[in-house]
Protein backbone atom coordinates (compact mmCIF):
# COMPACT_ATOMS: atom_id res chain seq x y z
CA MET A 1 -47.70 -17.10 -102.57
CA ILE A 2 -50.40 -15.25 -100.46
CA ASN A 3 -50.35 -18.50 -98.21
CA GLU A 4 -46.81 -18.42 -97.28
CA PRO A 5 -46.79 -15.70 -94.98
CA ARG A 6 -50.06 -17.10 -93.24
CA ARG A 7 -47.95 -20.16 -92.62
CA PHE A 8 -44.98 -18.43 -90.82
CA LEU A 9 -47.30 -16.66 -88.79
CA ASN A 10 -48.64 -19.57 -87.54
CA ILE A 11 -45.61 -21.51 -86.43
CA VAL A 12 -44.63 -18.06 -84.82
CA ASP A 13 -47.84 -18.44 -82.93
CA ALA A 14 -47.44 -22.00 -82.12
CA ILE A 15 -44.18 -21.74 -80.49
CA ARG A 16 -45.07 -18.74 -78.19
CA LEU A 17 -48.41 -20.63 -77.46
CA PHE A 18 -45.77 -23.73 -76.67
CA PHE A 19 -43.33 -21.78 -74.53
CA ARG A 20 -45.76 -19.22 -72.91
CA PRO A 21 -46.59 -21.67 -69.89
CA LEU A 22 -42.87 -22.02 -69.45
CA ALA A 23 -41.70 -18.63 -69.57
CA TRP A 24 -42.37 -17.89 -65.81
CA SER A 25 -40.24 -21.25 -64.62
CA ILE A 26 -37.38 -20.14 -67.14
CA GLY A 27 -37.13 -16.95 -65.48
CA LEU A 28 -37.36 -18.05 -62.03
CA CYS A 29 -34.34 -20.57 -62.53
CA PHE A 30 -32.48 -17.69 -64.16
CA PHE A 31 -32.91 -15.33 -60.90
CA THR A 32 -32.32 -18.60 -59.01
CA GLY A 33 -28.82 -19.26 -60.80
CA ILE A 34 -28.29 -15.53 -60.16
CA LEU A 35 -28.61 -15.60 -56.55
CA CYS A 36 -26.73 -18.89 -56.04
CA LEU A 37 -24.02 -17.15 -57.62
CA ALA A 38 -24.09 -14.15 -55.80
CA PHE A 39 -24.38 -16.18 -52.73
CA ALA A 40 -21.52 -17.94 -53.59
CA TYR A 41 -19.33 -15.11 -54.50
CA LEU A 42 -19.95 -12.73 -51.55
CA ILE A 43 -20.46 -15.52 -49.05
CA VAL A 44 -18.89 -18.99 -49.57
CA TRP A 45 -15.58 -17.99 -51.53
CA PRO A 46 -14.59 -15.27 -48.94
CA ALA A 47 -15.63 -18.22 -46.34
CA TYR A 48 -13.70 -20.57 -48.24
CA LYS A 49 -10.70 -18.12 -47.94
CA ASN A 50 -11.01 -17.34 -44.64
CA PRO A 51 -8.51 -18.45 -42.23
CA ILE A 52 -10.51 -18.61 -39.36
CA ALA A 53 -13.92 -20.31 -40.93
CA ARG A 54 -14.20 -23.95 -40.42
CA MET A 55 -14.48 -24.44 -44.19
CA TYR A 56 -10.99 -23.26 -44.22
CA THR A 57 -9.76 -26.12 -42.83
CA SER A 58 -12.01 -28.75 -43.96
CA LYS A 59 -10.92 -31.74 -46.17
CA LEU A 60 -11.62 -29.76 -49.07
CA GLY A 61 -11.25 -26.18 -47.79
CA TYR A 62 -8.67 -24.00 -49.67
CA SER A 63 -5.78 -24.66 -47.10
CA THR A 64 -6.28 -28.38 -48.13
CA VAL A 65 -6.29 -27.31 -51.55
CA ILE A 66 -2.91 -25.18 -51.11
CA ARG A 67 -0.82 -27.85 -49.13
CA LYS A 68 -1.84 -30.17 -52.13
CA THR A 69 -0.89 -28.04 -54.59
CA ARG A 70 2.27 -27.39 -52.79
CA GLY A 71 1.12 -23.36 -52.73
CA ALA A 72 2.00 -20.83 -50.57
CA PHE A 73 -0.52 -19.34 -47.97
CA PRO A 74 -0.94 -15.68 -47.88
CA VAL A 75 -0.35 -13.63 -44.88
CA ASP A 76 -0.07 -10.15 -43.60
CA VAL A 77 3.12 -9.24 -41.57
CA ALA A 78 4.07 -6.48 -39.59
CA THR A 79 7.40 -4.95 -38.17
CA VAL A 80 8.61 -4.70 -34.47
CA ASP A 81 8.59 -1.13 -34.45
CA ARG A 82 9.21 1.35 -31.23
CA ARG A 83 6.71 3.71 -30.89
CA GLU A 84 5.23 5.28 -27.92
CA ILE A 85 1.60 3.99 -26.54
CA ILE A 86 -0.52 4.44 -23.40
CA GLY A 87 -1.42 1.12 -21.85
CA LYS A 88 -5.19 1.27 -19.87
CA PHE A 89 -5.93 -1.05 -17.06
CA ILE A 90 -9.51 -0.23 -16.00
CA GLY A 91 -11.00 -1.33 -12.57
CA GLU A 92 -13.76 -0.79 -10.22
CA GLY A 93 -13.64 0.79 -6.91
CA LEU A 94 -15.13 3.32 -4.44
CA THR A 95 -13.69 6.25 -2.08
CA GLN A 96 -12.15 5.29 1.19
CA SER A 97 -10.71 6.65 4.34
CA GLU A 98 -8.87 5.49 7.18
CA PRO A 99 -10.46 4.78 10.40
CA VAL A 100 -9.11 6.54 13.44
CA GLN A 101 -10.34 6.45 16.81
CA VAL A 102 -10.39 9.05 19.55
CA PRO A 103 -9.97 7.06 22.78
CA MET A 104 -10.84 8.39 26.57
CA ILE A 105 -8.24 7.39 28.65
CA ALA A 106 -9.14 8.49 32.08
CA MET A 107 -11.79 7.13 34.29
CA ALA A 108 -14.34 9.78 34.58
CA ALA A 109 -17.54 11.21 33.68
CA ILE A 110 -17.74 12.99 30.31
CA LYS A 111 -18.52 16.70 30.83
CA SER A 112 -19.09 17.77 26.82
CA VAL A 113 -18.70 16.22 23.50
CA ASN A 114 -17.56 18.66 21.03
CA ALA A 115 -18.31 17.05 17.58
CA VAL A 116 -21.29 15.64 15.64
CA GLU A 117 -21.31 13.07 12.89
CA GLY A 118 -20.17 14.89 9.41
CA GLN A 119 -18.08 17.37 11.22
CA ARG A 120 -14.77 17.84 9.86
CA VAL A 121 -11.89 18.19 12.51
CA ARG A 122 -8.24 19.18 12.35
CA ALA A 123 -5.48 17.38 14.31
CA GLY A 124 -5.41 18.51 18.06
CA ASP A 125 -9.23 19.72 18.04
CA VAL A 126 -10.85 19.03 21.54
CA ILE A 127 -13.47 15.95 20.92
CA VAL A 128 -14.31 14.88 24.37
CA GLU A 129 -13.69 16.67 27.85
CA LEU A 130 -14.21 14.32 31.06
CA ASP A 131 -14.48 15.80 34.73
CA ARG A 132 -11.28 17.02 36.44
CA SER A 133 -12.34 17.78 39.93
CA LYS A 134 -10.51 14.28 40.97
CA ILE A 135 -7.52 14.75 39.28
CA GLU A 136 -7.05 18.08 40.43
CA LEU A 137 -7.35 17.09 44.03
CA LYS A 138 -4.67 14.74 43.45
CA ILE A 139 -2.32 17.49 41.57
CA ALA A 140 -2.56 19.41 44.59
CA SER A 141 -2.19 16.67 47.05
CA ALA A 142 1.18 16.12 45.04
CA LYS A 143 1.97 19.38 45.15
CA SER A 144 1.81 19.48 48.92
CA ALA A 145 4.02 16.30 49.13
CA LEU A 146 6.47 18.08 46.97
CA GLU A 147 6.63 20.92 49.78
CA THR A 148 6.78 18.62 52.56
CA ALA A 149 9.76 16.85 50.87
CA LEU A 150 11.64 20.32 50.41
CA ALA A 151 11.22 21.39 53.86
CA GLU A 152 12.48 17.91 55.13
CA LEU A 153 15.71 18.54 52.99
CA ASP A 154 16.24 21.85 55.11
CA ARG A 155 15.51 19.72 58.28
CA VAL A 156 18.17 17.33 57.38
CA LYS A 157 20.70 20.07 56.63
CA LEU A 158 19.95 21.54 60.01
CA GLY A 159 19.74 18.56 62.51
CA THR A 160 16.94 18.91 63.86
CA VAL A 161 15.23 15.95 63.21
CA ASN A 162 14.69 13.76 66.34
CA VAL A 163 15.78 10.54 64.65
CA LEU A 164 18.69 12.63 63.21
CA GLN A 165 20.13 13.63 66.56
CA GLN A 166 23.61 11.37 65.74
CA GLU A 167 23.92 13.16 62.59
CA ARG A 168 25.35 16.47 64.00
CA PRO A 169 28.83 16.79 62.77
CA ASP A 170 29.43 20.12 63.70
CA MET A 171 28.49 19.12 67.51
CA GLN A 172 30.26 16.19 67.39
CA ALA A 173 33.04 17.88 66.41
CA LEU A 174 33.04 20.33 69.08
CA LEU A 175 32.34 17.49 71.44
CA ALA A 176 36.17 15.56 69.97
CA LYS A 177 37.84 19.16 70.50
CA SER A 178 36.88 19.04 73.92
CA ALA A 179 37.66 15.55 74.64
CA SER A 180 41.01 16.04 73.20
CA ALA A 181 41.48 18.83 75.35
CA LYS A 182 40.63 17.14 78.56
CA THR A 183 42.74 13.97 77.28
CA GLU A 184 45.84 16.44 77.32
CA ILE A 185 45.25 17.69 80.66
CA ALA A 186 44.69 14.21 82.18
CA LYS A 187 48.27 13.15 80.31
CA GLN A 188 49.91 16.41 81.91
CA LEU A 189 48.08 15.75 85.43
CA LEU A 190 49.53 11.86 85.44
CA ASP A 191 53.11 12.90 84.56
CA MET A 192 53.03 15.32 87.79
CA TYR A 193 51.47 12.76 90.08
CA ASP A 194 53.94 10.36 88.84
CA LYS A 195 56.88 12.86 90.05
CA LEU A 196 55.02 13.35 93.21
CA ARG A 197 54.78 9.56 94.12
CA LYS A 198 58.32 9.52 93.40
CA ALA A 199 59.09 12.51 95.99
CA ASN A 200 56.30 10.41 98.67
CA ILE A 201 53.96 13.43 98.20
CA VAL A 202 51.33 11.50 97.18
CA THR A 203 50.08 7.92 97.96
CA GLU A 204 50.17 5.29 95.33
CA GLN A 205 46.20 5.37 95.49
CA ASP A 206 45.98 9.04 94.08
CA LEU A 207 48.43 8.16 91.42
CA LEU A 208 46.30 5.16 90.60
CA ASN A 209 42.99 7.29 90.49
CA THR A 210 44.87 9.99 88.05
CA ARG A 211 46.20 7.46 85.46
CA LEU A 212 42.40 5.83 85.70
CA ASN A 213 41.05 9.71 84.78
CA ALA A 214 43.73 9.98 82.09
CA ILE A 215 42.56 6.36 80.34
CA ASN A 216 38.80 7.15 80.49
CA ALA A 217 39.70 10.89 78.95
CA GLU A 218 41.65 9.13 76.22
CA PHE A 219 38.76 6.52 75.16
CA ILE A 220 36.51 9.96 75.16
CA GLU A 221 38.30 11.32 73.02
CA LYS A 222 38.31 8.27 70.59
CA GLU A 223 34.92 8.05 71.13
CA THR A 224 33.72 11.65 70.00
CA SER A 225 36.14 11.42 67.07
CA LEU A 226 34.44 8.23 65.60
CA ALA A 227 31.05 9.90 66.52
CA ALA A 228 31.83 13.11 64.57
CA GLU A 229 33.30 10.74 61.52
CA MET A 230 29.81 8.71 61.61
CA ALA A 231 27.63 11.96 61.71
CA ARG A 232 29.24 13.55 58.84
CA ASN A 233 28.82 10.21 56.65
CA GLY A 234 25.08 9.81 57.78
CA ARG A 235 24.48 13.73 57.52
CA GLN A 236 25.04 12.98 53.96
CA SER A 237 23.41 9.97 53.12
CA SER A 238 20.24 11.69 54.98
CA ILE A 239 20.86 14.82 52.70
CA ARG A 240 21.17 12.00 49.47
CA ILE A 241 17.47 10.53 50.78
CA ALA A 242 15.78 13.76 51.37
CA ASP A 243 16.99 14.85 47.66
CA SER A 244 15.63 11.41 46.32
CA ALA A 245 12.27 12.17 48.24
CA ILE A 246 12.07 16.00 46.49
CA GLU A 247 12.77 14.06 43.05
CA GLU A 248 9.83 11.59 43.94
CA ALA A 249 7.37 14.06 44.73
CA GLN A 250 8.02 16.41 41.39
CA LEU A 251 8.05 13.23 39.43
CA VAL A 252 4.50 12.76 40.97
CA VAL A 253 3.45 16.04 40.37
CA LYS A 254 4.63 15.67 36.88
CA PHE A 255 3.01 12.50 36.37
CA ARG A 256 -0.30 14.36 37.80
CA GLU A 257 0.02 16.96 35.44
CA ASN A 258 0.46 14.55 32.41
CA GLU A 259 -2.46 12.22 33.32
CA LEU A 260 -4.50 15.59 33.47
CA GLU A 261 -4.23 15.59 29.97
CA ASP A 262 -6.12 12.43 29.81
CA TYR A 263 -9.15 13.94 30.54
CA THR A 264 -9.30 15.92 26.93
CA SER A 265 -9.61 13.82 24.16
CA ARG A 266 -8.51 15.32 21.12
CA SER A 267 -8.34 14.50 17.10
CA PRO A 268 -5.12 12.62 16.15
CA ALA A 269 -5.72 13.85 12.37
CA ASP A 270 -7.63 15.80 9.98
CA GLY A 271 -11.03 14.06 8.87
CA ILE A 272 -14.68 13.85 9.42
CA VAL A 273 -16.45 12.70 12.43
CA GLU A 274 -18.08 9.07 10.96
CA ARG A 275 -19.79 8.12 14.29
CA VAL A 276 -20.28 9.57 17.76
CA LEU A 277 -20.06 6.64 20.50
CA VAL A 278 -20.78 8.90 23.75
CA HIS A 279 -22.78 11.46 24.90
CA ALA A 280 -22.43 14.12 27.91
CA GLY A 281 -23.05 12.60 31.21
CA GLU A 282 -21.95 9.37 30.51
CA TYR A 283 -19.31 7.69 32.79
CA ASN A 284 -16.52 6.00 31.17
CA GLN A 285 -15.33 3.04 33.11
CA ASP A 286 -13.17 1.45 30.35
CA PRO A 287 -9.81 3.05 29.73
CA GLY A 288 -9.04 3.54 25.88
CA ARG A 289 -12.65 2.98 25.12
CA PRO A 290 -13.41 4.90 21.37
CA ALA A 291 -15.38 8.12 21.81
CA VAL A 292 -15.68 9.12 18.24
CA LEU A 293 -14.63 7.33 14.78
CA ILE A 294 -13.07 10.09 12.41
CA ALA A 295 -12.83 9.08 8.76
CA SER A 296 -9.15 10.32 7.85
CA GLY A 297 -7.51 10.61 4.95
CA LEU A 298 -9.45 10.03 1.33
CA TRP A 299 -8.26 7.99 -1.88
CA PHE A 300 -9.92 6.06 -4.42
CA GLU A 301 -9.57 2.20 -3.85
CA CYS A 302 -9.18 0.73 -7.26
CA TYR A 303 -9.44 -2.87 -7.83
CA LEU A 304 -7.51 -4.71 -10.87
CA ASP A 305 -7.40 -7.88 -12.63
CA GLN A 306 -4.64 -10.11 -11.58
CA THR A 307 -3.31 -9.94 -15.14
CA ALA A 308 -2.11 -5.93 -14.27
CA LEU A 309 0.20 -7.14 -10.97
CA GLY A 310 3.34 -6.33 -11.67
CA ARG A 311 2.88 -4.03 -14.78
CA VAL A 312 1.17 -0.74 -13.09
CA LYS A 313 3.52 0.70 -10.31
CA VAL A 314 3.68 3.89 -8.04
CA GLY A 315 3.19 6.99 -9.72
CA ASP A 316 1.22 5.99 -12.63
CA ASP A 317 -1.33 8.44 -13.81
CA VAL A 318 -5.25 7.22 -13.12
CA GLU A 319 -8.33 8.78 -14.59
CA VAL A 320 -11.56 8.26 -12.08
CA ARG A 321 -14.73 8.77 -12.78
CA LEU A 322 -17.43 8.69 -9.74
CA ALA A 323 -21.17 7.80 -10.22
CA ALA A 324 -21.81 10.94 -8.03
CA TYR A 325 -20.24 13.29 -10.65
CA GLN A 326 -20.28 11.21 -13.99
CA ASP A 327 -19.68 14.38 -16.09
CA HIS A 328 -16.30 15.10 -14.62
CA LEU A 329 -13.13 13.08 -15.15
CA PHE A 330 -10.89 13.18 -11.93
CA HIS A 331 -6.92 12.78 -12.20
CA GLY A 332 -4.90 11.43 -9.95
CA SER A 333 -1.87 9.05 -9.13
CA ILE A 334 -1.10 5.45 -7.85
CA THR A 335 0.33 5.95 -4.42
CA HIS A 336 0.37 2.13 -3.04
CA VAL A 337 0.23 -1.04 -5.02
CA ARG A 338 -1.11 -3.77 -2.26
CA PRO A 339 0.21 -6.76 -4.22
CA LEU A 340 -2.28 -9.47 -2.96
CA VAL A 341 -4.85 -11.29 -4.98
CA ASN A 342 -8.37 -12.09 -4.09
CA PHE A 343 -12.16 -12.11 -4.63
CA SER A 344 -12.69 -8.52 -4.09
CA LEU A 345 -14.81 -7.96 -6.58
CA GLY A 346 -16.48 -11.41 -7.46
CA GLY A 347 -16.09 -15.00 -7.15
CA PRO A 348 -18.30 -17.23 -4.82
CA GLU A 349 -18.66 -14.52 -2.72
CA THR A 350 -20.44 -11.73 -4.64
CA THR A 351 -21.33 -13.57 -8.17
CA ASN A 352 -22.99 -16.37 -9.21
CA ARG A 353 -21.29 -17.67 -12.37
CA PRO A 354 -17.50 -17.58 -13.23
CA ILE A 355 -16.04 -15.36 -15.93
CA ARG A 356 -13.71 -16.20 -18.87
CA PRO A 357 -10.58 -14.28 -18.99
CA LEU A 358 -9.07 -13.16 -22.40
CA GLY A 359 -7.01 -15.84 -24.05
CA THR A 360 -7.36 -18.73 -21.64
CA GLY A 361 -11.25 -19.98 -22.71
CA SER A 362 -11.65 -21.81 -19.40
CA PRO A 363 -13.93 -20.23 -16.72
CA GLU A 364 -12.24 -18.83 -13.60
CA TRP A 365 -13.69 -16.65 -10.89
CA PRO A 366 -12.78 -13.13 -10.82
CA SER A 367 -9.66 -12.33 -9.03
CA THR A 368 -8.15 -8.62 -8.63
CA PHE A 369 -5.76 -6.66 -6.53
CA SER A 370 -6.22 -3.43 -5.37
CA VAL A 371 -3.98 0.15 -5.74
CA ARG A 372 -4.54 3.13 -3.76
CA VAL A 373 -4.88 6.21 -5.62
CA GLU A 374 -4.73 9.61 -4.43
CA LEU A 375 -7.30 11.92 -6.36
CA GLU A 376 -7.35 15.55 -7.14
CA SER A 377 -10.73 16.92 -5.85
CA ASP A 378 -11.11 20.04 -8.14
CA GLY A 379 -13.51 21.41 -5.85
CA TYR A 380 -15.83 18.89 -5.81
CA LEU A 381 -17.15 17.32 -2.43
CA ILE A 382 -15.72 13.64 -2.03
CA VAL A 383 -16.60 11.79 0.59
CA PRO A 384 -16.04 8.10 1.88
CA GLY A 385 -17.84 5.42 -0.28
CA LEU A 386 -18.55 6.58 -3.63
CA THR A 387 -18.39 4.49 -6.40
CA GLY A 388 -16.82 4.65 -9.64
CA TYR A 389 -14.14 3.07 -12.05
CA ALA A 390 -10.69 4.28 -12.90
CA THR A 391 -8.31 4.11 -15.78
CA VAL A 392 -4.67 3.58 -15.09
CA LEU A 393 -2.56 4.72 -17.82
CA GLN A 394 0.80 4.18 -18.76
CA ARG A 395 2.87 6.18 -21.67
CA ARG A 396 5.83 4.42 -22.40
CA ASN A 397 8.38 4.40 -25.57
CA VAL A 398 8.35 0.73 -26.24
CA LEU A 399 8.83 -2.21 -28.74
CA THR A 400 5.25 -2.97 -30.23
CA LEU A 401 3.17 -5.28 -32.58
CA PRO A 402 -0.25 -5.20 -33.97
CA GLN A 403 -2.88 -6.30 -31.22
CA GLY A 404 -3.90 -9.45 -33.08
CA THR A 405 -0.26 -10.55 -33.87
CA VAL A 406 0.35 -12.13 -30.62
CA SER A 407 -1.75 -15.61 -29.86
CA ALA A 408 -2.03 -18.17 -27.43
CA VAL A 409 -2.12 -15.46 -24.71
CA SER A 410 -2.20 -16.39 -21.40
CA GLY A 411 -1.41 -13.84 -18.81
CA ASN A 412 1.35 -11.91 -20.31
CA ARG A 413 3.00 -14.70 -22.13
CA GLY A 414 2.09 -15.59 -26.12
CA ILE A 415 3.37 -16.87 -29.16
CA VAL A 416 4.57 -14.82 -32.23
CA TYR A 417 5.15 -16.30 -35.83
CA VAL A 418 8.63 -14.95 -37.28
CA VAL A 419 9.41 -14.53 -40.71
CA GLY A 420 12.23 -16.05 -42.27
CA GLY A 421 15.28 -14.51 -43.91
CA ASP A 422 14.05 -16.00 -47.53
CA GLY A 423 10.13 -14.36 -46.82
CA GLN A 424 8.81 -17.96 -47.57
CA SER A 425 9.51 -19.70 -44.10
CA PHE A 426 8.30 -18.87 -40.60
CA GLU A 427 9.12 -20.21 -36.84
CA PRO A 428 6.91 -19.60 -33.95
CA ARG A 429 8.78 -17.75 -30.56
CA ASN A 430 7.48 -17.29 -27.37
CA VAL A 431 7.14 -13.49 -26.35
CA ILE A 432 6.46 -11.67 -23.20
CA THR A 433 3.77 -9.03 -23.48
CA GLY A 434 3.55 -5.68 -21.72
CA ILE A 435 0.39 -2.84 -21.75
CA THR A 436 -1.71 -2.29 -24.74
CA ASP A 437 -3.85 0.56 -26.35
CA GLY A 438 -6.02 -1.53 -27.77
CA ARG A 439 -4.30 -1.35 -31.06
CA TRP A 440 -0.78 -1.88 -30.35
CA VAL A 441 0.84 -4.48 -27.78
CA GLU A 442 3.91 -3.88 -25.67
CA VAL A 443 6.76 -6.44 -26.73
CA ARG A 444 8.68 -6.57 -23.71
CA GLU A 445 11.17 -10.09 -24.44
CA GLY A 446 11.62 -12.30 -27.35
CA LEU A 447 11.87 -9.86 -30.47
CA GLU A 448 13.82 -7.01 -31.60
CA GLU A 449 13.34 -4.09 -33.25
CA GLY A 450 13.11 -4.62 -37.04
CA GLU A 451 12.23 -8.27 -36.98
CA VAL A 452 9.21 -9.20 -39.28
CA VAL A 453 6.14 -11.48 -37.82
CA ILE A 454 2.82 -12.67 -39.29
CA SER A 455 0.14 -10.39 -38.52
CA ASP A 456 -2.40 -12.42 -40.11
CA GLY A 457 -3.35 -15.57 -41.76
CA TYR A 458 -0.99 -17.83 -38.98
CA GLN A 459 -4.04 -19.01 -37.92
CA VAL A 460 -3.95 -22.34 -40.26
CA LEU A 461 -0.37 -22.44 -40.66
CA GLN A 462 1.61 -25.85 -40.04
CA PRO A 463 5.10 -26.14 -39.54
CA LYS A 464 6.19 -26.72 -42.89
CA ASP A 465 3.68 -24.79 -44.82
CA ARG A 466 5.30 -21.96 -47.06
CA ILE A 467 3.95 -18.27 -46.84
CA ALA A 468 3.23 -15.35 -49.22
CA ILE A 469 3.52 -12.05 -48.06
CA GLY A 470 0.70 -9.66 -48.83
CA ALA A 471 0.67 -6.50 -46.78
CA LEU A 472 2.71 -5.04 -44.53
CA THR A 473 0.76 -3.88 -41.60
CA ALA A 474 2.99 -1.86 -39.47
CA GLN A 475 4.55 1.43 -40.96
CA THR A 476 8.43 0.57 -40.59
CA GLN A 477 10.43 -1.46 -42.65
CA PRO A 478 11.97 -4.88 -41.82
CA ASP A 479 14.97 -5.58 -40.82
CA GLN A 480 18.17 -6.78 -42.98
CA ARG A 481 17.56 -10.31 -42.72
CA GLY A 482 14.28 -10.42 -44.55
CA SER A 483 13.95 -7.25 -46.16
CA ARG A 484 14.71 -8.64 -49.75
CA ALA A 485 12.86 -11.48 -49.40
CA VAL A 486 9.71 -9.46 -47.93
CA SER A 487 10.22 -6.78 -51.13
CA GLU A 488 10.25 -9.26 -53.48
CA SER A 489 7.35 -11.27 -52.20
CA LEU A 490 5.42 -8.05 -52.12
CA GLN A 491 6.29 -7.00 -55.75
CA SER A 492 5.35 -10.63 -56.86
CA VAL A 493 1.72 -9.92 -55.27
CA ASP A 494 1.41 -6.67 -56.90
CA ARG A 495 2.14 -8.51 -60.18
């Protein structure tokens, strides 16, 4: 009896001695099994059910199993809802101004230059003054010529000019009157001699001489009358010629006085003097030669990606941050859209590799267009050449969908999957998108408010697949065509 417990102890010891070398191996296998299960549960299984994972679409993947068993693909849905979003388009740029030249028109020596680089000037300020001595002499000469023309008109009216001796209508009128009287007397004398000849008191020769004198007197009368008429008409023409000479002299004086203004170059606009190209004492021999270059006006030239063309418009609010004032946010608005796409901020000229635009997957050179933004300075010193970036803000109340709902985006076109009325079918539909705030995207064409679309899970769907709605993304109710089916699907998922 005493040997029985001892024999039991020997058996236990034997077993303990047998398993002691294997304890470490068994524990390692157990721990490894736990890790494998955890790995499969935490990594493999989620990847197996993840629609965007490569394992999901493999021959033994989750999608294949569902199709073989004629099951339904779990998807999340969203409804087309109207809400207010703030779209953003971000682009780089710099402050710019309009270069305005201050030309020198007259050919003369430069008397003084009243501008230095960096100086602020206003429209009408005198920038350059040229020597006026020669033009002042020309003005004096023109005024003298005008006085001469005025005096010449007086002489024409008086008829005292030697070349105008025949244009004295008053004198010619007196001569004509005298000739008419002489003609009358000659006619009376001829009548008297004719009576005397009949009475044989005078000879035939005396009668003929009297008749000849009467003919001469009549001729002189007609000649003086014609001369008087010509004098009147010629005098009027001479007065008009003198008046024209006066008008011409007045125009010359006015031209010279206007020319005097060309000897003073004024600023045509407000701005900052960018460059001074001339100095006092130089001679301007090229009419129109620029003397000073003024930076007029100030705006932020922002370069936006070509996908924003047609979406931004004049009047959109803009926020600008400049490198010189990184802690301050400047506000402004778009005043001009330049609809020309080029490589202003990239391309073969300035970059060494292409980019991959969102949604295309193919490398392209960056193409941009520019917009002009009028900034509010807020008291800060803003000069041309400051770099920074701008954010164009567009606040709109539009139809929207969650950002990831639209697939195959190319520019502003994409595809969405609309849930059918039975809640288990779907159809792809082309849509045109608009602005986005990073969470919601505007739907401009292709959908109506209240329609239900697939927001997640559409990545692996094929045309004849069935769907099972798992969650409603948008916080709105679906439309009447699919509301009952969607509600029943949600309830079946909950059960």
